[in-house]
Amino acid sequence: MPRATNAPASQRRRKRMIKAAAGYRGWRSTKYRYAKNAVWHGLTYSFAHRKDKKADYRALWTQRINAACRAQGTTYSKFIAALKNAKIELDRKILAELAANDAKAFSAVMAAAK
């Protein structure tokens, strides 16, 4: 009995991996062995960096809020503590948006917190 290689499925699998590696440099985009390695690395990094992105955005929001607070003569930590004491439940994303784009609204929130 002849040996069956299941060539069509193997070719499809390899073609799919090469297509996923499009845009990579050198053999990583043309040779299956190297493309598979590069794509797997990329997938693991994408998983980890999806988690990191959340922390990066929170840090950015904190910086924007802190800059707006210091322009008003207080600090980020004092402002957040005042918000908690005043029971104002605005998250950092919204506060950063106000700080960056609507200074009057941010000033109103700061006044309400004091």
Protein backbone atom coordinates (compact mmCIF):
# COMPACT_ATOMS: atom_id res chain seq x y z
CA MET A 1 0.00 0.00 0.00
CA PRO A 2 1.41 3.42 -0.91
CA ARG A 3 2.33 5.87 1.79
CA ALA A 4 -0.28 8.61 2.28
CA THR A 5 1.16 12.04 3.08
CA ASN A 6 -2.01 14.11 3.34
CA ALA A 7 -0.22 16.66 1.17
CA PRO A 8 -3.18 19.00 0.47
CA ALA A 9 -3.80 19.59 4.18
CA SER A 10 -0.09 20.05 4.87
CA GLN A 11 0.23 22.54 2.05
CA ARG A 12 -2.79 24.50 3.28
CA ARG A 13 -1.37 24.55 6.80
CA ARG A 14 2.00 25.81 5.55
CA LYS A 15 0.42 28.38 3.27
CA ARG A 16 -1.68 29.70 6.16
CA MET A 17 1.43 30.11 8.32
CA ILE A 18 3.36 31.86 5.53
CA LYS A 19 0.40 34.21 4.99
CA ALA A 20 0.33 35.03 8.72
CA ALA A 21 4.05 35.91 8.50
CA ALA A 22 3.56 38.37 5.62
CA GLY A 23 5.51 41.55 6.28
CA TYR A 24 8.23 39.87 8.32
CA ARG A 25 11.81 40.32 7.09
CA GLY A 26 13.99 37.73 5.38
CA TRP A 27 13.33 34.03 5.69
CA ARG A 28 10.79 34.68 8.43
CA SER A 29 8.28 35.60 5.74
CA THR A 30 9.12 32.94 3.14
CA LYS A 31 10.37 29.76 4.81
CA TYR A 32 7.83 27.72 6.76
CA ARG A 33 10.22 26.69 9.53
CA TYR A 34 11.19 30.26 10.38
CA ALA A 35 7.75 31.73 9.70
CA LYS A 36 6.16 29.29 12.16
CA ASN A 37 8.61 30.33 14.87
CA ALA A 38 8.11 34.05 14.18
CA VAL A 39 4.31 33.80 14.13
CA TRP A 40 4.21 31.84 17.39
CA HIS A 41 6.46 34.41 19.04
CA GLY A 42 4.22 37.16 17.72
CA LEU A 43 1.13 35.47 19.13
CA THR A 44 2.64 35.10 22.59
CA TYR A 45 3.75 38.73 22.58
CA SER A 46 0.31 39.87 21.44
CA PHE A 47 -1.31 38.04 24.37
CA ALA A 48 1.08 39.56 26.89
CA HIS A 49 0.86 43.03 25.38
CA ARG A 50 -2.93 43.02 25.38
CA LYS A 51 -2.60 42.77 29.15
CA ASP A 52 0.14 45.42 29.28
CA LYS A 53 -1.91 47.85 27.19
CA LYS A 54 -4.43 48.23 30.00
CA ALA A 55 -1.69 49.23 32.45
CA ASP A 56 -0.17 51.59 29.87
CA TYR A 57 -3.45 53.42 29.40
CA ARG A 58 -4.05 53.70 33.13
CA ALA A 59 -0.57 55.24 33.55
CA LEU A 60 -1.31 57.70 30.72
CA TRP A 61 -4.61 58.71 32.33
CA THR A 62 -2.86 59.22 35.67
CA GLN A 63 -0.26 61.48 34.07
CA ARG A 64 -2.90 63.59 32.34
CA ILE A 65 -4.95 63.97 35.52
CA ASN A 66 -1.84 64.82 37.52
CA ALA A 67 -0.82 67.51 35.01
CA ALA A 68 -4.29 69.09 35.18
CA CYS A 69 -4.30 68.90 38.99
CA ARG A 70 -0.92 70.57 39.29
CA ALA A 71 -2.11 73.35 36.98
CA GLN A 72 -4.93 73.88 39.52
CA GLY A 73 -2.50 73.86 42.46
CA THR A 74 -2.96 70.40 43.95
CA THR A 75 -1.59 66.90 43.41
CA TYR A 76 -3.03 63.78 41.87
CA SER A 77 -3.17 61.81 45.11
CA LYS A 78 -4.91 64.62 47.01
CA PHE A 79 -7.40 65.04 44.18
CA ILE A 80 -8.26 61.32 44.05
CA ALA A 81 -8.63 61.23 47.84
CA ALA A 82 -10.95 64.24 47.70
CA LEU A 83 -13.03 62.53 45.00
CA LYS A 84 -13.39 59.43 47.16
CA ASN A 85 -14.37 61.50 50.22
CA ALA A 86 -16.94 63.43 48.17
CA LYS A 87 -18.25 60.09 46.80
CA ILE A 88 -17.78 61.22 43.20
CA GLU A 89 -17.44 58.06 41.13
CA LEU A 90 -15.73 59.15 37.93
CA ASP A 91 -13.15 56.74 36.60
CA ARG A 92 -9.68 57.80 35.52
CA LYS A 93 -10.46 57.44 31.83
CA ILE A 94 -13.23 60.04 32.02
CA LEU A 95 -11.21 62.32 34.29
CA ALA A 96 -8.27 62.21 31.86
CA GLU A 97 -10.60 63.02 28.96
CA LEU A 98 -11.96 66.01 30.87
CA ALA A 99 -8.46 67.12 31.85
CA ALA A 100 -7.24 66.98 28.26
CA ASN A 101 -10.25 68.36 26.39
CA ASP A 102 -12.55 70.26 28.76
CA ALA A 103 -10.72 72.32 31.37
CA LYS A 104 -13.90 73.99 32.64
CA ALA A 105 -15.57 70.66 33.39
CA PHE A 106 -12.42 69.41 35.10
CA SER A 107 -12.33 72.55 37.23
CA ALA A 108 -15.98 71.96 38.17
CA VAL A 109 -15.20 68.39 39.22
CA MET A 110 -12.25 69.65 41.25
CA ALA A 111 -14.43 72.26 42.95
CA ALA A 112 -17.05 69.64 43.75
CA ALA A 113 -14.39 67.37 45.23
CA LYS A 114 -13.15 70.11 47.59
